Protein backbone atom coordinates (compact mmCIF):
# COMPACT_ATOMS: atom_id res chain seq x y z
CA UNK A 1 -23.42 -65.60 -5.84
CA UNK A 2 -23.77 -61.81 -5.79
CA UNK A 3 -24.00 -61.00 -2.03
CA UNK A 4 -20.40 -59.73 -1.93
CA UNK A 5 -21.23 -57.37 -4.40
CA UNK A 6 -22.69 -53.61 -3.56
CA UNK A 7 -25.01 -53.37 -6.50
CA UNK A 8 -28.06 -55.08 -6.02
CA UNK A 9 -29.41 -57.02 -9.40
CA UNK A 10 -32.45 -58.95 -9.85
CA UNK A 11 -32.28 -62.66 -9.94
CA UNK A 12 -34.55 -62.68 -12.80
CA UNK A 13 -34.43 -61.64 -16.36
CA UNK A 14 -37.78 -59.55 -17.56
CA UNK A 15 -39.69 -61.34 -20.31
CA UNK A 16 -42.82 -59.32 -20.22
CA UNK A 17 -43.63 -55.47 -19.38
CA UNK A 18 -46.17 -53.21 -18.92
CA UNK A 19 -46.47 -49.92 -19.16
CA UNK A 20 -47.25 -47.49 -16.28
CA UNK A 21 -49.22 -43.96 -15.94
CA UNK A 22 -47.38 -40.99 -15.87
CA UNK A 23 -49.83 -38.24 -15.07
CA UNK A 24 -48.87 -34.46 -14.50
CA UNK A 25 -49.96 -32.80 -11.21
CA UNK A 26 -53.26 -31.31 -11.94
CA UNK A 27 -54.41 -34.88 -13.12
CA UNK A 28 -53.39 -36.38 -9.71
CA UNK A 29 -55.31 -33.41 -7.82
CA UNK A 30 -58.45 -34.11 -9.31
CA UNK A 31 -57.98 -38.03 -8.78
CA UNK A 32 -57.28 -37.77 -5.62
CA UNK A 33 -60.31 -35.36 -5.05
CA UNK A 34 -62.72 -37.98 -6.74
CA UNK A 35 -61.34 -40.45 -4.58
CA UNK A 36 -62.53 -38.92 -1.40
CA UNK A 37 -58.63 -38.27 -0.60
CA UNK A 38 -58.57 -42.28 0.05
CA UNK A 39 -55.58 -43.92 -1.98
CA UNK A 40 -57.87 -47.29 -2.12
CA UNK A 41 -60.42 -45.22 -4.38
CA UNK A 42 -58.05 -44.19 -6.77
CA UNK A 43 -58.32 -46.06 -10.62
CA UNK A 44 -55.23 -48.45 -10.87
CA UNK A 45 -54.77 -45.96 -14.47
CA UNK A 46 -53.96 -42.94 -11.79
CA UNK A 47 -50.79 -44.41 -9.96
CA UNK A 48 -47.44 -44.56 -11.08
CA UNK A 49 -45.78 -46.25 -8.53
CA UNK A 50 -48.23 -48.72 -6.68
CA UNK A 51 -46.79 -49.39 -3.64
CA UNK A 52 -50.31 -49.56 -1.76
CA UNK A 53 -49.28 -53.42 -0.67
CA UNK A 54 -47.72 -56.14 -1.64
CA UNK A 55 -50.57 -58.49 -1.27
CA UNK A 56 -51.65 -60.00 -4.96
CA UNK A 57 -49.73 -57.70 -7.02
CA UNK A 58 -46.50 -59.49 -7.54
CA UNK A 59 -44.99 -60.77 -10.67
CA UNK A 60 -45.51 -64.57 -11.47
CA UNK A 61 -42.68 -66.71 -12.85
CA UNK A 62 -42.26 -68.36 -16.06
CA UNK A 63 -42.86 -71.64 -13.71
CA UNK A 64 -45.84 -70.41 -12.32
CA UNK A 65 -47.57 -69.43 -15.70
CA UNK A 66 -46.46 -72.65 -17.23
CA UNK A 67 -48.26 -74.17 -14.19
CA UNK A 68 -51.25 -72.38 -14.72
CA UNK A 69 -51.73 -74.21 -17.76
CA UNK A 70 -51.95 -77.50 -16.15
CA UNK A 71 -54.84 -76.81 -14.09
CA UNK A 72 -57.54 -79.22 -13.56
CA UNK A 73 -60.88 -77.88 -13.05
CA UNK A 74 -62.50 -80.55 -11.58
CA UNK A 75 -65.54 -79.21 -9.13
CA UNK A 76 -64.24 -82.03 -6.92
CA UNK A 77 -60.89 -84.19 -6.47
CA UNK A 78 -59.10 -82.37 -8.54
CA UNK A 79 -55.89 -83.12 -9.50
CA UNK A 80 -54.54 -79.37 -8.94
CA UNK A 81 -55.55 -79.83 -5.51
CA UNK A 82 -53.56 -82.73 -4.59
CA UNK A 83 -50.54 -80.68 -6.16
CA UNK A 84 -51.57 -78.10 -3.90
CA UNK A 85 -51.93 -80.26 -0.91
CA UNK A 86 -48.62 -81.70 -1.31
CA UNK A 87 -46.54 -78.65 -1.42
CA UNK A 88 -48.50 -77.31 1.56
CA UNK A 89 -47.55 -80.47 3.61
CA UNK A 90 -44.04 -80.63 2.95
CA UNK A 91 -43.67 -77.02 3.94
CA UNK A 92 -45.89 -77.12 7.25
CA UNK A 93 -46.29 -80.67 7.92
CA UNK A 94 -49.74 -80.14 8.85
CA UNK A 95 -52.51 -83.06 8.19
CA UNK A 96 -55.44 -80.78 7.21
CA UNK A 97 -54.86 -78.84 4.64
CA UNK A 98 -57.59 -76.01 3.04
CA UNK A 99 -57.69 -73.79 0.23
CA UNK A 100 -59.02 -70.47 0.37
CA UNK A 101 -59.40 -67.42 -2.06
CA UNK A 102 -57.09 -65.29 0.21
CA UNK A 103 -55.94 -64.79 3.75
CA UNK A 104 -58.89 -63.05 5.20
CA UNK A 105 -61.37 -66.40 4.08
CA UNK A 106 -59.14 -68.40 6.11
CA UNK A 107 -59.32 -65.86 9.02
CA UNK A 108 -63.19 -65.81 8.89
CA UNK A 109 -63.67 -69.35 8.94
CA UNK A 110 -61.13 -69.64 11.76
CA UNK A 111 -63.29 -66.82 13.78
CA UNK A 112 -66.71 -68.43 12.97
CA UNK A 113 -66.15 -71.70 14.11
CA UNK A 114 -64.09 -71.68 17.02
CA UNK A 115 -64.67 -67.99 18.92
CA UNK A 116 -67.56 -67.18 20.92
CA UNK A 117 -68.43 -63.72 21.68
CA UNK A 118 -66.26 -62.27 24.62
CA UNK A 119 -63.41 -64.75 24.31
CA UNK A 120 -60.07 -63.29 23.60
CA UNK A 121 -57.70 -63.99 21.09
CA UNK A 122 -53.89 -63.13 21.86
CA UNK A 123 -51.54 -61.87 18.93
CA UNK A 124 -47.80 -60.09 18.83
CA UNK A 125 -50.35 -57.93 16.94
CA UNK A 126 -53.25 -57.84 14.91
CA UNK A 127 -53.54 -56.97 11.53
CA UNK A 128 -56.50 -55.46 9.53
CA UNK A 129 -58.81 -58.27 8.45
CA UNK A 130 -57.71 -60.39 11.43
CA UNK A 131 -58.73 -57.96 13.96
CA UNK A 132 -62.50 -57.48 11.91
CA UNK A 133 -63.01 -61.05 11.39
CA UNK A 134 -62.03 -61.70 15.34
CA UNK A 135 -64.48 -58.58 16.53
CA UNK A 136 -66.87 -59.68 13.73
CA UNK A 137 -67.43 -63.02 15.85
CA UNK A 138 -67.73 -60.92 19.13
CA UNK A 139 -64.32 -61.78 20.34
CA UNK A 140 -61.81 -59.63 21.80
CA UNK A 141 -58.52 -59.03 19.62
CA UNK A 142 -55.90 -58.30 21.93
CA UNK A 143 -51.93 -57.25 21.01
CA UNK A 144 -48.88 -58.18 23.39
CA UNK A 145 -46.39 -56.59 21.32
CA UNK A 146 -42.92 -56.33 22.89
CA UNK A 147 -41.74 -52.55 24.34
CA UNK A 148 -39.57 -52.33 21.70
CA UNK A 149 -41.97 -52.76 18.79
CA UNK A 150 -43.00 -48.93 19.63
CA UNK A 151 -39.62 -47.81 19.39
CA UNK A 152 -39.50 -46.61 15.48
CA UNK A 153 -35.45 -46.12 16.09
CA UNK A 154 -34.60 -48.57 17.83
CA UNK A 155 -32.38 -51.09 15.34
CA UNK A 156 -31.98 -54.28 16.92
CA UNK A 157 -33.68 -57.29 15.36
CA UNK A 158 -36.96 -59.33 16.07
CA UNK A 159 -39.04 -56.00 17.33
CA UNK A 160 -42.03 -58.28 15.98
CA UNK A 161 -41.62 -60.91 18.89
CA UNK A 162 -45.26 -61.14 21.25
CA UNK A 163 -44.26 -60.11 24.86
CA UNK A 164 -44.26 -63.72 26.54
CA UNK A 165 -44.19 -62.68 29.96
CA UNK A 166 -47.80 -60.57 29.39
CA UNK A 167 -48.79 -63.69 27.68
CA UNK A 168 -48.21 -65.74 30.64
CA UNK A 169 -49.89 -63.13 32.91
CA UNK A 170 -52.88 -62.95 30.59
CA UNK A 171 -53.24 -66.60 30.68
CA UNK A 172 -52.85 -66.79 34.37
CA UNK A 173 -55.52 -64.58 35.30
CA UNK A 174 -57.97 -65.37 32.37
CA UNK A 175 -56.81 -68.78 30.68
CA UNK A 176 -60.51 -69.67 30.17
CA UNK A 177 -61.37 -66.96 28.32
CA UNK A 178 -58.44 -67.19 26.27
CA UNK A 179 -59.70 -69.02 23.03
CA UNK A 180 -56.33 -68.93 20.79
CA UNK A 181 -53.08 -67.12 20.84
CA UNK A 182 -51.63 -66.21 17.21
CA UNK A 183 -48.33 -64.83 16.24
CA UNK A 184 -47.87 -62.89 12.93
CA UNK A 185 -45.16 -63.39 10.73
CA UNK A 186 -43.70 -61.05 10.42
CA UNK A 187 -45.42 -58.71 12.05
CA UNK A 188 -47.07 -55.99 10.01
CA UNK A 189 -48.61 -53.51 12.11
CA UNK A 190 -45.34 -52.73 14.10
CA UNK A 191 -42.98 -51.80 10.61
CA UNK A 192 -43.23 -55.46 8.94
CA UNK A 193 -40.52 -56.88 11.87
CA UNK A 194 -39.98 -60.58 12.00
CA UNK A 195 -40.34 -62.93 15.01
CA UNK A 196 -37.48 -64.53 16.10
CA UNK A 197 -37.72 -68.44 16.19
CA UNK A 198 -36.89 -68.24 20.43
CA UNK A 199 -40.17 -66.43 20.44
CA UNK A 200 -41.88 -68.91 18.55
CA UNK A 201 -40.53 -71.64 20.73
CA UNK A 202 -40.90 -69.93 23.85
CA UNK A 203 -45.22 -68.77 23.27
CA UNK A 204 -45.54 -72.30 21.94
CA UNK A 205 -44.42 -73.79 25.21
CA UNK A 206 -46.60 -71.33 27.17
CA UNK A 207 -49.44 -72.49 25.14
CA UNK A 208 -48.86 -75.88 25.02
CA UNK A 209 -48.76 -75.53 29.40
CA UNK A 210 -51.82 -74.00 29.20
CA UNK A 211 -53.46 -76.12 26.73
CA UNK A 212 -54.63 -73.54 24.44
CA UNK A 213 -54.49 -73.76 20.94
CA UNK A 214 -51.33 -71.29 19.13
CA UNK A 215 -51.62 -70.34 15.29
CA UNK A 216 -49.54 -68.49 13.42
CA UNK A 217 -50.70 -65.85 10.75
CA UNK A 218 -48.22 -67.00 8.30
CA UNK A 219 -48.56 -64.77 5.27
CA UNK A 220 -44.65 -63.72 4.93
CA UNK A 221 -43.44 -66.90 6.37
CA UNK A 222 -40.60 -66.92 3.95
CA UNK A 223 -39.40 -63.40 4.72
CA UNK A 224 -39.59 -64.09 8.52
CA UNK A 225 -37.59 -67.62 8.13
CA UNK A 226 -34.88 -65.32 6.05
CA UNK A 227 -34.40 -63.01 9.19
CA UNK A 228 -33.92 -66.06 11.59
CA UNK A 229 -31.50 -67.79 9.01
CA UNK A 230 -29.37 -64.52 8.95
CA UNK A 231 -29.41 -62.90 12.26
CA UNK A 232 -30.51 -65.27 14.58
CA UNK A 233 -27.31 -67.61 16.48
CA UNK A 234 -27.76 -70.94 15.60
CA UNK A 235 -29.61 -70.91 12.36
CA UNK A 236 -27.20 -69.62 9.87
CA UNK A 237 -26.16 -73.26 8.57
CA UNK A 238 -29.96 -74.34 8.05
CA UNK A 239 -32.07 -74.32 5.01
CA UNK A 240 -34.93 -71.89 4.70
CA UNK A 241 -37.51 -74.78 3.98
CA UNK A 242 -36.39 -76.46 7.54
CA UNK A 243 -36.16 -73.59 9.27
CA UNK A 244 -39.70 -72.90 7.85
CA UNK A 245 -41.04 -75.99 8.63
CA UNK A 246 -39.67 -75.92 12.53
CA UNK A 247 -41.54 -72.34 12.43
CA UNK A 248 -45.19 -74.36 11.65
CA UNK A 249 -44.53 -77.52 13.72
CA UNK A 250 -44.41 -75.30 16.51
CA UNK A 251 -47.96 -74.43 15.82
CA UNK A 252 -51.26 -76.14 16.11
CA UNK A 253 -52.27 -74.34 12.57
CA UNK A 254 -52.09 -71.54 10.39
CA UNK A 255 -53.70 -68.88 8.51
CA UNK A 256 -51.79 -67.91 5.28
CA UNK A 257 -52.45 -65.60 2.62
CA UNK A 258 -50.70 -66.93 -0.52
CA UNK A 259 -50.66 -63.52 -2.24
CA UNK A 260 -47.88 -62.02 0.03
CA UNK A 261 -44.81 -64.89 0.20
CA UNK A 262 -46.59 -66.95 -2.38
CA UNK A 263 -46.16 -64.84 -4.85
CA UNK A 264 -49.48 -65.15 -6.37
CA UNK A 265 -52.45 -62.79 -7.50
CA UNK A 266 -55.21 -65.16 -5.80
CA UNK A 267 -55.36 -67.86 -2.96
CA UNK A 268 -54.61 -68.65 0.83
CA UNK A 269 -54.25 -71.21 3.05
CA UNK A 270 -56.11 -72.77 6.21
CA UNK A 271 -54.39 -75.43 7.93
CA UNK A 272 -54.20 -77.31 10.97
CA UNK A 273 -53.46 -80.64 12.88
CA UNK A 274 -56.29 -80.59 14.76
CA UNK A 275 -59.12 -82.97 13.53
CA UNK A 276 -61.55 -81.59 15.53
CA UNK A 277 -60.97 -78.16 14.20
CA UNK A 278 -60.63 -79.52 10.31
CA UNK A 279 -64.06 -81.10 10.72
CA UNK A 280 -65.76 -77.47 11.54
CA UNK A 281 -63.14 -75.77 9.03
CA UNK A 282 -64.44 -78.23 6.62
CA UNK A 283 -68.12 -77.44 7.01
CA UNK A 284 -67.60 -73.69 7.25
CA UNK A 285 -65.72 -73.59 4.22
CA UNK A 286 -68.26 -75.69 2.13
CA UNK A 287 -71.06 -72.97 3.09
CA UNK A 288 -68.64 -69.85 1.93
CA UNK A 289 -65.76 -70.85 0.21
CA UNK A 290 -66.74 -74.16 -2.09
CA UNK A 291 -65.99 -77.76 -2.02
CA UNK A 292 -62.85 -78.47 -0.06
CA UNK A 293 -60.30 -79.45 -3.09
CA UNK A 294 -61.48 -76.33 -4.60
CA UNK A 295 -61.69 -73.63 -1.88
CA UNK A 296 -63.08 -70.52 -3.99
CA UNK A 297 -60.14 -71.03 -6.38
CA UNK A 298 -59.84 -72.46 -10.21
CA UNK A 299 -57.65 -75.50 -10.43
CA UNK A 300 -54.85 -73.06 -12.24
CA UNK A 301 -54.83 -70.63 -9.22
CA UNK A 302 -53.75 -74.27 -6.97
CA UNK A 303 -51.16 -74.81 -9.71
CA UNK A 304 -49.71 -71.54 -9.57
CA UNK A 305 -49.87 -71.12 -5.86
CA UNK A 306 -48.07 -74.35 -5.33
CA UNK A 307 -45.08 -73.38 -7.48
CA UNK A 308 -44.73 -70.01 -5.64
CA UNK A 309 -45.16 -71.86 -1.99
CA UNK A 310 -41.74 -73.18 -3.37
CA UNK A 311 -40.21 -70.29 -5.08
CA UNK A 312 -40.89 -68.52 -2.02
CA UNK A 313 -37.80 -69.94 0.05
CA UNK A 314 -35.42 -69.42 -2.96
CA UNK A 315 -32.26 -68.01 -1.04
CA UNK A 316 -31.32 -65.74 -3.89
CA UNK A 317 -35.05 -63.94 -4.61
CA UNK A 318 -34.96 -63.52 -1.07
CA UNK A 319 -31.56 -62.12 -0.28
CA UNK A 320 -32.46 -59.59 -3.32
CA UNK A 321 -36.05 -59.12 -1.69
CA UNK A 322 -34.70 -58.47 1.68
CA UNK A 323 -31.59 -56.05 0.37
CA UNK A 324 -33.84 -54.25 -2.20
CA UNK A 325 -35.85 -52.87 0.93
CA UNK A 326 -32.91 -51.82 3.01
CA UNK A 327 -31.69 -49.91 0.18
CA UNK A 328 -35.19 -48.41 -0.41
CA UNK A 329 -34.78 -47.67 3.43
CA UNK A 330 -31.72 -46.05 3.61
CA UNK A 331 -32.49 -43.90 0.53
CA UNK A 332 -35.44 -42.54 2.35
CA UNK A 333 -33.53 -41.64 5.34
CA UNK A 334 -30.84 -39.96 3.17
CA UNK A 335 -33.27 -37.93 2.28
CA UNK A 336 -34.43 -36.98 5.58
CA UNK A 337 -37.26 -39.17 5.84
CA UNK A 338 -37.52 -41.47 9.43
CA UNK A 339 -38.06 -44.90 8.56
CA UNK A 340 -38.39 -47.72 11.11
CA UNK A 341 -35.80 -49.28 12.19
CA UNK A 342 -34.49 -51.96 11.50
CA UNK A 343 -36.16 -52.34 7.78
CA UNK A 344 -38.48 -55.30 7.06
CA UNK A 345 -38.87 -57.74 4.57
CA UNK A 346 -41.87 -56.76 2.76
CA UNK A 347 -42.26 -52.47 2.87
CA UNK A 348 -40.56 -49.13 4.11
CA UNK A 349 -42.72 -47.98 6.86
CA UNK A 350 -42.11 -44.18 7.38
CA UNK A 351 -42.61 -42.55 10.81
CA UNK A 352 -44.79 -39.88 9.78
CA UNK A 353 -45.67 -38.74 13.22
CA UNK A 354 -42.33 -38.00 13.98
CA UNK A 355 -41.72 -36.49 10.52
CA UNK A 356 -44.91 -34.53 10.86
CA UNK A 357 -44.88 -33.54 14.68
CA UNK A 358 -47.12 -30.41 13.82
CA UNK A 359 -49.61 -32.86 13.14
CA UNK A 360 -51.44 -34.92 15.91
CA UNK A 361 -52.31 -38.35 15.59
CA UNK A 362 -56.33 -37.80 15.64
CA UNK A 363 -55.36 -35.81 12.04
CA UNK A 364 -53.81 -38.94 10.78
CA UNK A 365 -50.16 -37.65 9.95
CA UNK A 366 -49.78 -41.44 7.95
CA UNK A 367 -52.39 -40.22 5.57
CA UNK A 368 -51.39 -36.90 5.11
CA UNK A 369 -47.90 -38.35 4.11
CA UNK A 370 -49.50 -40.65 1.76
CA UNK A 371 -51.47 -38.11 -0.01
CA UNK A 372 -48.07 -36.05 -0.38
CA UNK A 373 -46.69 -39.13 -2.17
CA UNK A 374 -49.18 -39.22 -4.59
CA UNK A 375 -49.77 -35.64 -5.37
CA UNK A 376 -45.94 -35.34 -5.78
CA UNK A 377 -45.12 -38.27 -7.70
CA UNK A 378 -48.02 -40.39 -8.25
CA UNK A 379 -46.95 -42.92 -5.51
CA UNK A 380 -49.35 -44.89 -3.85
CA UNK A 381 -48.72 -46.16 0.08
CA UNK A 382 -51.27 -46.95 2.71
CA UNK A 383 -51.70 -45.26 6.54
CA UNK A 384 -50.72 -48.01 8.94
CA UNK A 385 -51.58 -45.43 12.19
CA UNK A 386 -54.82 -44.47 13.88
CA UNK A 387 -57.01 -44.15 10.99
CA UNK A 388 -56.29 -48.09 10.09
CA UNK A 389 -56.08 -48.74 14.29
CA UNK A 390 -57.89 -46.09 16.21
CA UNK A 391 -55.95 -46.85 19.24
CA UNK A 392 -52.53 -47.12 17.45
CA UNK A 393 -49.62 -45.88 19.43
CA UNK A 394 -47.79 -45.60 16.06
CA UNK A 395 -48.44 -43.25 12.83
CA UNK A 396 -46.84 -44.79 9.73
CA UNK A 397 -46.93 -44.71 6.38
CA UNK A 398 -46.17 -48.24 4.69
CA UNK A 399 -44.63 -48.04 1.40
CA UNK A 400 -45.06 -52.07 0.08
CA UNK A 401 -42.98 -53.68 -2.47
CA UNK A 402 -44.47 -56.10 -4.85
CA UNK A 403 -42.50 -58.98 -5.10
CA UNK A 404 -40.10 -59.11 -8.84
CA UNK A 405 -42.31 -55.90 -10.17
CA UNK A 406 -40.21 -52.66 -9.50
CA UNK A 407 -36.63 -52.30 -10.49
CA UNK A 408 -33.81 -50.38 -8.74
CA UNK A 409 -34.60 -47.10 -10.75
CA UNK A 410 -38.08 -47.29 -9.58
CA UNK A 411 -37.02 -47.05 -6.05
CA UNK A 412 -34.80 -44.05 -7.31
CA UNK A 413 -37.69 -42.33 -8.21
CA UNK A 414 -39.82 -42.41 -5.08
CA UNK A 415 -36.93 -41.61 -3.07
CA UNK A 416 -36.57 -38.74 -4.98
CA UNK A 417 -40.36 -38.00 -4.68
CA UNK A 418 -39.51 -38.34 -1.25
CA UNK A 419 -37.02 -35.70 -1.00
CA UNK A 420 -39.36 -33.22 -2.49
CA UNK A 421 -41.76 -33.86 -0.16
CA UNK A 422 -39.19 -33.28 2.68
CA UNK A 423 -38.46 -29.73 1.54
CA UNK A 424 -41.92 -28.82 2.34
CA UNK A 425 -43.01 -31.22 5.01
CA UNK A 426 -44.31 -28.09 7.25
CA UNK A 427 -46.90 -27.00 4.94
CA UNK A 428 -48.41 -30.63 5.00
CA UNK A 429 -51.95 -30.41 6.85
CA UNK A 430 -53.64 -33.20 8.85
CA UNK A 431 -56.89 -34.81 7.39
CA UNK A 432 -60.45 -35.65 8.82
CA UNK A 433 -63.10 -38.06 8.25
CA UNK A 434 -65.94 -37.38 6.37
CA UNK A 435 -68.03 -41.19 6.17
CA UNK A 436 -66.69 -43.78 7.74
CA UNK A 437 -67.97 -47.53 7.72
CA UNK A 438 -68.20 -49.46 10.88
CA UNK A 439 -65.81 -52.10 9.77
CA UNK A 440 -62.00 -51.31 8.03
CA UNK A 441 -62.60 -47.84 7.79
CA UNK A 442 -59.25 -47.24 6.43
CA UNK A 443 -60.20 -49.03 2.87
CA UNK A 444 -63.57 -46.56 2.00
CA UNK A 445 -63.56 -44.00 4.37
CA UNK A 446 -64.15 -40.50 2.62
CA UNK A 447 -61.51 -37.89 4.12
CA UNK A 448 -60.62 -34.12 3.52
CA UNK A 449 -57.82 -32.31 4.39
CA UNK A 450 -57.81 -29.56 7.30
CA UNK A 451 -57.80 -26.05 5.27
CA UNK A 452 -55.88 -24.35 7.90
């Protein structure tokens, strides 16, 4: 109804509020020092605007809070599971549906059951936990993004697509080594860029011809569906549930972190059409997650997840969500901070490499910029570059917006923080790692800035 107005309004009313910390500069400096210059290691009460992630940080609706009270906590055969199963089956059309406590649990089960050492998993771009679970199984996580994905100023749509000719060449040369092909929707590592339905169909066809299984990492399926409806010819008259259903039916199964588009604080999905894989998943799930009708979750979590998955495809909500991200990106550009174009659906990605050309990739310009946002205004983001992915071609700072949490005034504040950073960009220094773990180092590495 309000799409023709310049003003972005939240398509909801606020029923409860939570105070946010307002720390001074010296206190923030001390906090960052104590955290080893790793923003993951800050305490929540030390952060004013938290844009670290959109995972599990959204605000649940009144319908979700009401559903929480309906949770059936039976160990096996809970009615809340069947409510959840119905919602996921309507969304995806898949036959075999398993709840898990979050997306990486689905990734772990998938990797432990179907992957053997030396096998290849091809993806448009693996994100961090997906890659780690594959590599921990001894398999190879191979990225096949399009050439446009690394062109941060290219504003053409669907830069999240997979390079189909590269996939065909891989299968022609190493078909017997490829265990699985995946598409990440939206493509988080390259700026939250969506995948077109055309690309989904082509990848599906290539996999069918080669008899290679095809899965979706569909954490942000709703935002991807919105981009298809608004920017891909032929889908403007489709409903969002119909677009999402078509996306899922092109694949053999999916992993979903419902903490993103499912708008819940905990929960995920592992689903497939394959009976043989479902049998493997079920056994592994009992070992690590729990009985298949609760999957490491309380019944109340299954209820809220069912409602959240339904609400995620509301057109008014998605219009507001995507337009808010665009507003954020436009504001950062206006004050002189280069943003990956076009803006995606869940976050604004600043091209830290271009913004801080004096800091080489090996000194983590994305981390330097993340630290600057915190020190300047208490804003927490996350580096998506050489710290997260050692071989990354992009050096980005991701500022991810939790769903239904912050208002336009909060975003205007972050833009003002950015404006202050722009004025002192040449003074920012790179970082070095003091200590790092063997996997997923960005979560817990200790760092320190270079002094000169």
